[in-house]
Amino acid sequence: MSWGSRPGERVEELPGDEFVPGAAVQVTRAVTVEAPFEEVWPWLAQVGQDRAGFYSYEWLKNLAGCRMRNADEIHPEWQERTVGETVKLHWSTGLELTRFEPNRVFALGGWYLVLSQDNGLTRLIARSRFPRGPVSLAYGLLLELPHFIMERKMLLSIKEHAERSHRPASQ
């Protein structure tokens, strides 16, 4: 539940925490990206079933009928979002975009991606928060393992894409 995150990041208040105050379950995962915010953000901005996918295991998402393809390039037409719009998780459903701050936060309610500065590098932090009650229990028992597998792959894929686009062409 804390893969890649540092102890301080696990307890640090992040933009997006306000959407699930007093969470019973909090998951914080992170990766360091050797590229500036500006190289990482475009990959986040285009997340969604109807856009760039989630940079995770496409075949696994499609087993659930998502009809998803992960993008391998930045699409300028996918960079703008409006708070309140639906970000598709599946062709038939999605979550409301609750916060969209370029180069900083992409939030879908209790699941959000945050960029922070770390000695000239970028930390990409994924956090999920669940309220007290049956939702937290269901998450812990049924969803945590598949969510970890998919989210870890997403973080590593975004890291790879951003670092590749940041490298000079001569390398």
N, C-alpha and C. Protein backbone atom coordinates (compact mmCIF):
# COMPACT_ATOMS: atom_id res chain seq x y z
N MET A 1 0.81 -1.20 0.00
CA MET A 1 0.00 0.00 0.00
C MET A 1 0.85 1.26 0.00
N SER A 2 2.18 1.08 0.04
CA SER A 2 3.05 2.26 0.06
C SER A 2 4.24 2.08 -0.87
N TRP A 3 4.08 1.26 -1.89
CA TRP A 3 5.17 0.98 -2.83
C TRP A 3 5.79 2.27 -3.36
N GLY A 4 7.11 2.38 -3.27
CA GLY A 4 7.85 3.50 -3.83
C GLY A 4 7.76 4.80 -3.06
N SER A 5 6.84 4.89 -2.12
CA SER A 5 6.68 6.15 -1.39
C SER A 5 7.64 6.20 -0.21
N ARG A 6 7.95 7.40 0.18
CA ARG A 6 8.83 7.63 1.32
C ARG A 6 7.98 7.84 2.56
N PRO A 7 8.51 7.56 3.74
CA PRO A 7 7.71 7.73 4.96
C PRO A 7 7.04 9.10 5.08
N GLY A 8 7.76 10.15 4.74
CA GLY A 8 7.17 11.49 4.82
C GLY A 8 6.02 11.69 3.84
N GLU A 9 6.12 11.09 2.66
CA GLU A 9 5.06 11.22 1.66
C GLU A 9 3.78 10.51 2.09
N ARG A 10 3.94 9.46 2.86
CA ARG A 10 2.77 8.69 3.31
C ARG A 10 1.90 9.46 4.28
N VAL A 11 2.50 10.39 5.03
CA VAL A 11 1.74 11.15 6.02
C VAL A 11 1.51 12.61 5.60
N GLU A 12 2.25 13.04 4.59
CA GLU A 12 2.12 14.41 4.09
C GLU A 12 0.71 14.64 3.53
N GLU A 13 0.15 15.80 3.84
CA GLU A 13 -1.14 16.16 3.26
C GLU A 13 -0.91 16.58 1.82
N LEU A 14 -1.65 15.96 0.92
CA LEU A 14 -1.52 16.25 -0.51
C LEU A 14 -2.77 16.93 -1.04
N PRO A 15 -2.62 17.71 -2.11
CA PRO A 15 -3.81 18.27 -2.74
C PRO A 15 -4.67 17.10 -3.25
N GLY A 16 -5.90 17.06 -2.86
CA GLY A 16 -6.79 15.94 -3.18
C GLY A 16 -7.26 15.23 -1.93
N ASP A 17 -6.47 15.31 -0.85
CA ASP A 17 -6.88 14.66 0.41
C ASP A 17 -8.23 15.18 0.89
N GLU A 18 -8.54 16.42 0.55
CA GLU A 18 -9.78 17.03 1.02
C GLU A 18 -11.03 16.34 0.46
N PHE A 19 -10.90 15.55 -0.58
CA PHE A 19 -12.07 14.90 -1.17
C PHE A 19 -12.56 13.71 -0.33
N VAL A 20 -11.68 13.15 0.50
CA VAL A 20 -12.08 12.08 1.42
C VAL A 20 -11.45 12.38 2.78
N PRO A 21 -12.03 13.34 3.52
CA PRO A 21 -11.46 13.68 4.83
C PRO A 21 -11.65 12.53 5.81
N GLY A 22 -10.70 12.36 6.70
CA GLY A 22 -10.82 11.31 7.71
C GLY A 22 -10.88 9.91 7.12
N ALA A 23 -10.11 9.67 6.07
CA ALA A 23 -10.14 8.37 5.39
C ALA A 23 -9.77 7.23 6.33
N ALA A 24 -10.44 6.11 6.16
CA ALA A 24 -10.11 4.90 6.92
C ALA A 24 -8.92 4.19 6.29
N VAL A 25 -8.81 4.27 4.97
CA VAL A 25 -7.71 3.63 4.25
C VAL A 25 -7.08 4.67 3.34
N GLN A 26 -5.76 4.75 3.40
CA GLN A 26 -5.01 5.63 2.51
C GLN A 26 -3.87 4.85 1.90
N VAL A 27 -3.75 4.90 0.59
CA VAL A 27 -2.70 4.22 -0.15
C VAL A 27 -1.87 5.30 -0.84
N THR A 28 -0.55 5.26 -0.67
CA THR A 28 0.33 6.23 -1.30
C THR A 28 1.47 5.47 -1.98
N ARG A 29 1.55 5.62 -3.30
CA ARG A 29 2.61 4.98 -4.08
C ARG A 29 3.32 6.06 -4.88
N ALA A 30 4.60 5.86 -5.18
CA ALA A 30 5.33 6.92 -5.86
C ALA A 30 6.51 6.37 -6.64
N VAL A 31 6.99 7.24 -7.53
CA VAL A 31 8.17 6.92 -8.32
C VAL A 31 8.89 8.24 -8.62
N THR A 32 10.21 8.18 -8.71
CA THR A 32 11.00 9.35 -9.10
C THR A 32 11.19 9.31 -10.61
N VAL A 33 10.91 10.44 -11.24
CA VAL A 33 11.05 10.55 -12.69
C VAL A 33 12.20 11.52 -12.97
N GLU A 34 13.15 11.07 -13.77
CA GLU A 34 14.30 11.91 -14.12
C GLU A 34 13.94 12.81 -15.29
N ALA A 35 12.99 13.70 -15.02
CA ALA A 35 12.53 14.67 -16.00
C ALA A 35 11.77 15.76 -15.24
N PRO A 36 11.69 16.96 -15.80
CA PRO A 36 10.95 18.03 -15.13
C PRO A 36 9.44 17.83 -15.24
N PHE A 37 8.70 18.56 -14.40
CA PHE A 37 7.23 18.51 -14.41
C PHE A 37 6.67 18.57 -15.82
N GLU A 38 7.22 19.48 -16.61
CA GLU A 38 6.69 19.74 -17.95
C GLU A 38 6.77 18.53 -18.87
N GLU A 39 7.65 17.60 -18.57
CA GLU A 39 7.78 16.37 -19.37
C GLU A 39 6.88 15.25 -18.84
N VAL A 40 6.49 15.35 -17.59
CA VAL A 40 5.65 14.33 -16.96
C VAL A 40 4.17 14.66 -17.12
N TRP A 41 3.82 15.92 -16.90
CA TRP A 41 2.42 16.33 -16.89
C TRP A 41 1.62 15.93 -18.14
N PRO A 42 2.13 16.11 -19.35
CA PRO A 42 1.32 15.77 -20.53
C PRO A 42 0.83 14.32 -20.54
N TRP A 43 1.61 13.43 -19.95
CA TRP A 43 1.19 12.02 -19.88
C TRP A 43 0.01 11.87 -18.93
N LEU A 44 0.02 12.63 -17.84
CA LEU A 44 -1.09 12.59 -16.88
C LEU A 44 -2.35 13.21 -17.47
N ALA A 45 -2.18 14.34 -18.12
CA ALA A 45 -3.33 15.10 -18.63
C ALA A 45 -4.18 14.28 -19.60
N GLN A 46 -3.58 13.33 -20.28
CA GLN A 46 -4.33 12.57 -21.28
C GLN A 46 -4.81 11.20 -20.80
N VAL A 47 -4.76 10.96 -19.49
CA VAL A 47 -5.25 9.69 -18.93
C VAL A 47 -6.74 9.54 -19.17
N GLY A 48 -7.16 8.33 -19.47
CA GLY A 48 -8.58 8.02 -19.61
C GLY A 48 -8.83 6.99 -20.71
N GLN A 49 -9.87 6.22 -20.58
CA GLN A 49 -10.21 5.17 -21.53
C GLN A 49 -10.37 5.71 -22.94
N ASP A 50 -10.96 6.89 -23.07
CA ASP A 50 -11.22 7.47 -24.39
C ASP A 50 -10.07 8.33 -24.91
N ARG A 51 -8.97 8.34 -24.17
CA ARG A 51 -7.79 9.10 -24.58
C ARG A 51 -6.58 8.17 -24.63
N ALA A 52 -5.65 8.34 -23.71
CA ALA A 52 -4.38 7.61 -23.75
C ALA A 52 -4.39 6.32 -22.95
N GLY A 53 -5.52 5.94 -22.40
CA GLY A 53 -5.55 4.77 -21.53
C GLY A 53 -4.99 5.12 -20.17
N PHE A 54 -4.50 4.10 -19.46
CA PHE A 54 -3.92 4.31 -18.13
C PHE A 54 -2.49 3.81 -18.06
N TYR A 55 -1.87 3.57 -19.21
CA TYR A 55 -0.46 3.16 -19.29
C TYR A 55 -0.18 1.91 -18.46
N SER A 56 -1.15 1.06 -18.33
CA SER A 56 -0.99 -0.14 -17.53
C SER A 56 -1.14 -1.36 -18.44
N TYR A 57 -1.55 -2.46 -17.88
CA TYR A 57 -1.69 -3.70 -18.66
C TYR A 57 -2.96 -3.63 -19.50
N GLU A 58 -2.78 -3.23 -20.75
CA GLU A 58 -3.90 -3.05 -21.67
C GLU A 58 -4.73 -4.33 -21.78
N TRP A 59 -4.07 -5.46 -21.90
CA TRP A 59 -4.78 -6.74 -22.07
C TRP A 59 -5.66 -7.05 -20.86
N LEU A 60 -5.21 -6.66 -19.66
CA LEU A 60 -5.98 -6.92 -18.46
C LEU A 60 -7.21 -6.02 -18.39
N LYS A 61 -7.02 -4.75 -18.72
CA LYS A 61 -8.16 -3.82 -18.77
C LYS A 61 -9.19 -4.30 -19.79
N ASN A 62 -8.70 -4.78 -20.91
CA ASN A 62 -9.62 -5.20 -21.97
C ASN A 62 -10.33 -6.51 -21.66
N LEU A 63 -9.77 -7.31 -20.75
CA LEU A 63 -10.49 -8.49 -20.27
C LEU A 63 -11.79 -8.08 -19.58
N ALA A 64 -11.76 -6.88 -18.98
CA ALA A 64 -12.94 -6.34 -18.30
C ALA A 64 -13.82 -5.54 -19.27
N GLY A 65 -13.50 -5.61 -20.57
CA GLY A 65 -14.32 -4.94 -21.57
C GLY A 65 -14.08 -3.45 -21.70
N CYS A 66 -12.92 -2.98 -21.31
CA CYS A 66 -12.66 -1.53 -21.32
C CYS A 66 -12.43 -0.93 -22.71
N ARG A 67 -12.06 -1.75 -23.67
CA ARG A 67 -11.77 -1.24 -25.03
C ARG A 67 -10.73 -0.13 -24.98
N MET A 68 -9.61 -0.43 -24.36
CA MET A 68 -8.60 0.59 -24.08
C MET A 68 -7.32 0.33 -24.86
N ARG A 69 -6.71 1.44 -25.31
CA ARG A 69 -5.39 1.39 -25.93
C ARG A 69 -4.53 2.44 -25.25
N ASN A 70 -3.35 2.04 -24.83
CA ASN A 70 -2.41 2.98 -24.21
C ASN A 70 -1.67 3.75 -25.30
N ALA A 71 -1.57 5.04 -25.14
CA ALA A 71 -0.85 5.88 -26.09
C ALA A 71 0.65 5.83 -25.80
N ASP A 72 1.44 5.95 -26.85
CA ASP A 72 2.89 5.99 -26.73
C ASP A 72 3.45 7.36 -27.08
N GLU A 73 2.57 8.34 -27.25
CA GLU A 73 3.01 9.69 -27.58
C GLU A 73 2.04 10.70 -26.98
N ILE A 74 2.51 11.92 -26.91
CA ILE A 74 1.68 13.02 -26.41
C ILE A 74 0.76 13.48 -27.54
N HIS A 75 -0.51 13.64 -27.21
CA HIS A 75 -1.50 14.14 -28.16
C HIS A 75 -1.92 15.53 -27.69
N PRO A 76 -1.56 16.59 -28.41
CA PRO A 76 -1.90 17.95 -27.99
C PRO A 76 -3.41 18.15 -27.77
N GLU A 77 -4.22 17.47 -28.56
CA GLU A 77 -5.68 17.63 -28.43
C GLU A 77 -6.24 17.00 -27.15
N TRP A 78 -5.44 16.25 -26.42
CA TRP A 78 -5.88 15.61 -25.18
C TRP A 78 -5.35 16.30 -23.93
N GLN A 79 -4.77 17.46 -24.05
CA GLN A 79 -4.11 18.11 -22.91
C GLN A 79 -5.02 18.97 -22.05
N GLU A 80 -6.15 19.35 -22.55
CA GLU A 80 -7.06 20.21 -21.80
C GLU A 80 -8.16 19.39 -21.13
N ARG A 81 -8.50 19.75 -19.94
CA ARG A 81 -9.58 19.11 -19.18
C ARG A 81 -10.35 20.19 -18.44
N THR A 82 -11.57 19.85 -18.05
CA THR A 82 -12.39 20.77 -17.28
C THR A 82 -12.86 20.06 -16.02
N VAL A 83 -12.66 20.68 -14.87
CA VAL A 83 -13.16 20.11 -13.62
C VAL A 83 -14.66 19.89 -13.78
N GLY A 84 -15.12 18.72 -13.37
CA GLY A 84 -16.52 18.35 -13.50
C GLY A 84 -16.78 17.39 -14.65
N GLU A 85 -15.86 17.32 -15.61
CA GLU A 85 -16.06 16.39 -16.72
C GLU A 85 -15.82 14.96 -16.23
N THR A 86 -16.32 14.00 -16.99
CA THR A 86 -16.12 12.60 -16.66
C THR A 86 -14.88 12.06 -17.36
N VAL A 87 -13.98 11.48 -16.59
CA VAL A 87 -12.81 10.80 -17.14
C VAL A 87 -13.19 9.33 -17.20
N LYS A 88 -13.20 8.79 -18.39
CA LYS A 88 -13.64 7.41 -18.60
C LYS A 88 -12.64 6.41 -18.02
N LEU A 89 -13.16 5.46 -17.25
CA LEU A 89 -12.38 4.33 -16.76
C LEU A 89 -12.68 3.11 -17.63
N HIS A 90 -13.86 3.09 -18.17
CA HIS A 90 -14.41 2.03 -18.99
C HIS A 90 -15.26 2.76 -20.02
N TRP A 91 -15.52 2.16 -21.17
CA TRP A 91 -16.30 2.88 -22.19
C TRP A 91 -17.67 3.30 -21.69
N SER A 92 -18.20 2.60 -20.66
CA SER A 92 -19.55 2.89 -20.20
C SER A 92 -19.62 3.72 -18.92
N THR A 93 -18.49 3.97 -18.29
CA THR A 93 -18.53 4.69 -17.02
C THR A 93 -17.20 5.40 -16.75
N GLY A 94 -17.23 6.30 -15.79
CA GLY A 94 -16.01 7.01 -15.42
C GLY A 94 -16.18 7.70 -14.08
N LEU A 95 -15.22 8.53 -13.76
CA LEU A 95 -15.25 9.31 -12.53
C LEU A 95 -15.15 10.78 -12.86
N GLU A 96 -15.71 11.60 -11.98
CA GLU A 96 -15.67 13.04 -12.17
C GLU A 96 -14.27 13.57 -11.88
N LEU A 97 -13.79 14.42 -12.77
CA LEU A 97 -12.53 15.12 -12.56
C LEU A 97 -12.78 16.21 -11.52
N THR A 98 -12.15 16.07 -10.35
CA THR A 98 -12.41 17.00 -9.26
C THR A 98 -11.34 18.07 -9.08
N ARG A 99 -10.17 17.82 -9.67
CA ARG A 99 -9.10 18.82 -9.59
C ARG A 99 -8.17 18.60 -10.77
N PHE A 100 -7.83 19.66 -11.46
CA PHE A 100 -6.95 19.60 -12.62
C PHE A 100 -6.08 20.85 -12.62
N GLU A 101 -4.88 20.70 -12.08
CA GLU A 101 -3.92 21.80 -11.99
C GLU A 101 -2.68 21.40 -12.77
N PRO A 102 -2.52 21.95 -13.99
CA PRO A 102 -1.37 21.57 -14.82
C PRO A 102 -0.05 21.62 -14.06
N ASN A 103 0.75 20.60 -14.31
CA ASN A 103 2.07 20.40 -13.70
C ASN A 103 1.99 20.15 -12.19
N ARG A 104 0.79 19.80 -11.69
CA ARG A 104 0.67 19.59 -10.24
C ARG A 104 -0.29 18.47 -9.84
N VAL A 105 -1.60 18.55 -10.19
CA VAL A 105 -2.59 17.61 -9.66
C VAL A 105 -3.61 17.21 -10.71
N PHE A 106 -3.87 15.90 -10.77
CA PHE A 106 -4.94 15.31 -11.58
C PHE A 106 -5.74 14.45 -10.62
N ALA A 107 -6.95 14.87 -10.26
CA ALA A 107 -7.72 14.18 -9.23
C ALA A 107 -9.08 13.72 -9.73
N LEU A 108 -9.38 12.48 -9.40
CA LEU A 108 -10.70 11.89 -9.66
C LEU A 108 -11.27 11.50 -8.30
N GLY A 109 -11.76 12.47 -7.56
CA GLY A 109 -12.28 12.19 -6.23
C GLY A 109 -11.20 11.66 -5.32
N GLY A 110 -11.39 10.45 -4.81
CA GLY A 110 -10.47 9.85 -3.86
C GLY A 110 -9.25 9.19 -4.47
N TRP A 111 -9.03 9.34 -5.78
CA TRP A 111 -7.82 8.83 -6.44
C TRP A 111 -7.18 9.98 -7.19
N TYR A 112 -5.91 10.26 -6.91
CA TYR A 112 -5.28 11.40 -7.54
C TYR A 112 -3.79 11.19 -7.73
N LEU A 113 -3.28 11.92 -8.71
CA LEU A 113 -1.87 11.91 -9.06
C LEU A 113 -1.32 13.30 -8.81
N VAL A 114 -0.20 13.36 -8.09
CA VAL A 114 0.39 14.63 -7.69
C VAL A 114 1.85 14.64 -8.10
N LEU A 115 2.30 15.75 -8.65
CA LEU A 115 3.70 15.92 -8.99
C LEU A 115 4.35 16.83 -7.95
N SER A 116 5.54 16.45 -7.49
CA SER A 116 6.28 17.31 -6.57
C SER A 116 7.74 17.35 -7.00
N GLN A 117 8.43 18.39 -6.58
CA GLN A 117 9.83 18.61 -6.92
C GLN A 117 10.71 17.87 -5.92
N ASP A 118 11.77 17.23 -6.42
CA ASP A 118 12.71 16.52 -5.55
C ASP A 118 14.12 16.68 -6.09
N ASN A 119 14.83 17.71 -5.62
CA ASN A 119 16.21 17.95 -6.05
C ASN A 119 16.36 17.97 -7.57
N GLY A 120 15.49 18.69 -8.25
CA GLY A 120 15.56 18.82 -9.69
C GLY A 120 14.88 17.71 -10.45
N LEU A 121 14.41 16.70 -9.75
CA LEU A 121 13.68 15.60 -10.37
C LEU A 121 12.21 15.73 -10.01
N THR A 122 11.38 14.89 -10.58
CA THR A 122 9.95 14.93 -10.30
C THR A 122 9.54 13.68 -9.54
N ARG A 123 8.78 13.87 -8.47
CA ARG A 123 8.16 12.73 -7.79
C ARG A 123 6.73 12.65 -8.31
N LEU A 124 6.35 11.50 -8.80
CA LEU A 124 4.99 11.22 -9.24
C LEU A 124 4.36 10.38 -8.14
N ILE A 125 3.37 10.96 -7.47
CA ILE A 125 2.74 10.31 -6.32
C ILE A 125 1.29 9.99 -6.68
N ALA A 126 0.91 8.74 -6.46
CA ALA A 126 -0.48 8.32 -6.63
C ALA A 126 -1.04 8.04 -5.25
N ARG A 127 -2.18 8.62 -4.97
CA ARG A 127 -2.82 8.39 -3.67
C ARG A 127 -4.27 8.03 -3.88
N SER A 128 -4.73 7.08 -3.07
CA SER A 128 -6.14 6.71 -3.01
C SER A 128 -6.57 6.79 -1.56
N ARG A 129 -7.77 7.31 -1.34
CA ARG A 129 -8.32 7.40 0.02
C ARG A 129 -9.75 6.87 -0.02
N PHE A 130 -10.09 6.11 1.01
CA PHE A 130 -11.41 5.50 1.10
C PHE A 130 -12.05 5.83 2.44
N PRO A 131 -13.33 6.18 2.42
CA PRO A 131 -14.02 6.54 3.67
C PRO A 131 -14.25 5.32 4.56
N ARG A 132 -14.56 5.57 5.80
CA ARG A 132 -14.88 4.49 6.74
C ARG A 132 -16.13 3.76 6.27
N GLY A 133 -16.17 2.47 6.55
CA GLY A 133 -17.35 1.69 6.21
C GLY A 133 -17.08 0.61 5.19
N PRO A 134 -18.13 0.13 4.56
CA PRO A 134 -18.03 -1.00 3.64
C PRO A 134 -17.08 -0.77 2.46
N VAL A 135 -16.96 0.48 2.01
CA VAL A 135 -16.08 0.77 0.88
C VAL A 135 -14.64 0.42 1.22
N SER A 136 -14.18 0.79 2.40
CA SER A 136 -12.81 0.48 2.82
C SER A 136 -12.60 -1.01 2.97
N LEU A 137 -13.57 -1.69 3.53
CA LEU A 137 -13.47 -3.13 3.69
C LEU A 137 -13.41 -3.82 2.33
N ALA A 138 -14.28 -3.43 1.43
CA ALA A 138 -14.29 -4.03 0.09
C ALA A 138 -12.98 -3.78 -0.63
N TYR A 139 -12.46 -2.55 -0.51
CA TYR A 139 -11.19 -2.23 -1.15
C TYR A 139 -10.09 -3.14 -0.62
N GLY A 140 -9.98 -3.23 0.69
CA GLY A 140 -8.92 -4.03 1.30
C GLY A 140 -9.00 -5.51 0.95
N LEU A 141 -10.20 -6.04 0.91
CA LEU A 141 -10.38 -7.47 0.66
C LEU A 141 -10.35 -7.86 -0.82
N LEU A 142 -10.89 -7.00 -1.67
CA LEU A 142 -11.09 -7.38 -3.07
C LEU A 142 -10.26 -6.61 -4.09
N LEU A 143 -9.97 -5.37 -3.82
CA LEU A 143 -9.41 -4.52 -4.87
C LEU A 143 -7.96 -4.12 -4.70
N GLU A 144 -7.42 -4.18 -3.50
CA GLU A 144 -6.07 -3.67 -3.27
C GLU A 144 -5.03 -4.35 -4.15
N LEU A 145 -5.03 -5.66 -4.24
CA LEU A 145 -4.01 -6.35 -5.03
C LEU A 145 -4.10 -6.00 -6.51
N PRO A 146 -5.26 -6.12 -7.17
CA PRO A 146 -5.29 -5.73 -8.58
C PRO A 146 -5.01 -4.24 -8.80
N HIS A 147 -5.47 -3.40 -7.86
CA HIS A 147 -5.18 -1.96 -7.99
C HIS A 147 -3.68 -1.72 -7.90
N PHE A 148 -3.00 -2.37 -6.99
CA PHE A 148 -1.55 -2.23 -6.87
C PHE A 148 -0.85 -2.65 -8.16
N ILE A 149 -1.22 -3.79 -8.70
CA ILE A 149 -0.58 -4.29 -9.93
C ILE A 149 -0.75 -3.29 -11.07
N MET A 150 -1.95 -2.78 -11.25
CA MET A 150 -2.24 -1.85 -12.35
C MET A 150 -1.59 -0.48 -12.10
N GLU A 151 -1.69 0.02 -10.88
CA GLU A 151 -1.16 1.35 -10.58
C GLU A 151 0.36 1.37 -10.65
N ARG A 152 1.01 0.34 -10.17
CA ARG A 152 2.48 0.26 -10.23
C ARG A 152 2.93 0.31 -11.68
N LYS A 153 2.28 -0.46 -12.54
CA LYS A 153 2.61 -0.46 -13.96
C LYS A 153 2.39 0.93 -14.57
N MET A 154 1.30 1.59 -14.20
CA MET A 154 1.01 2.92 -14.71
C MET A 154 2.13 3.90 -14.32
N LEU A 155 2.52 3.92 -13.05
CA LEU A 155 3.57 4.82 -12.59
C LEU A 155 4.89 4.56 -13.33
N LEU A 156 5.25 3.30 -13.46
CA LEU A 156 6.49 2.96 -14.17
C LEU A 156 6.42 3.32 -15.64
N SER A 157 5.28 3.14 -16.26
CA SER A 157 5.12 3.49 -17.69
C SER A 157 5.20 4.99 -17.91
N ILE A 158 4.55 5.77 -17.05
CA ILE A 158 4.63 7.23 -17.18
C ILE A 158 6.07 7.68 -16.98
N LYS A 159 6.75 7.11 -16.00
CA LYS A 159 8.17 7.42 -15.77
C LYS A 159 8.97 7.14 -17.04
N GLU A 160 8.78 5.99 -17.63
CA GLU A 160 9.51 5.61 -18.83
C GLU A 160 9.22 6.56 -20.00
N HIS A 161 7.96 6.87 -20.22
CA HIS A 161 7.59 7.78 -21.31
C HIS A 161 8.20 9.17 -21.11
N ALA A 162 8.08 9.70 -19.89
CA ALA A 162 8.59 11.05 -19.62
C ALA A 162 10.10 11.11 -19.72
N GLU A 163 10.78 10.11 -19.21
CA GLU A 163 12.24 10.10 -19.29
C GLU A 163 12.70 9.94 -20.74
N ARG A 164 12.01 9.12 -21.50
CA ARG A 164 12.37 8.94 -22.91
C ARG A 164 12.18 10.25 -23.68
N SER A 165 11.10 10.97 -23.43
CA SER A 165 10.84 12.22 -24.15
C SER A 165 11.79 13.33 -23.67
N HIS A 166 12.34 13.18 -22.47
CA HIS A 166 13.25 14.19 -21.92
C HIS A 166 14.67 14.02 -22.41
N ARG A 167 15.06 12.79 -22.76
CA ARG A 167 16.42 12.52 -23.21
C ARG A 167 16.73 13.24 -24.52
N PRO A 168 17.91 13.81 -24.64
CA PRO A 168 18.29 14.41 -25.92
C PRO A 168 18.33 13.34 -27.02
N ALA A 169 18.05 13.72 -28.23
CA ALA A 169 17.98 12.79 -29.37
C ALA A 169 19.29 12.04 -29.59
N SER A 170 20.43 12.60 -29.18
CA SER A 170 21.73 11.97 -29.41
C SER A 170 21.98 10.78 -28.51
N GLN A 171 21.19 10.61 -27.45
CA GLN A 171 21.41 9.49 -26.51
C GLN A 171 20.76 8.23 -26.99
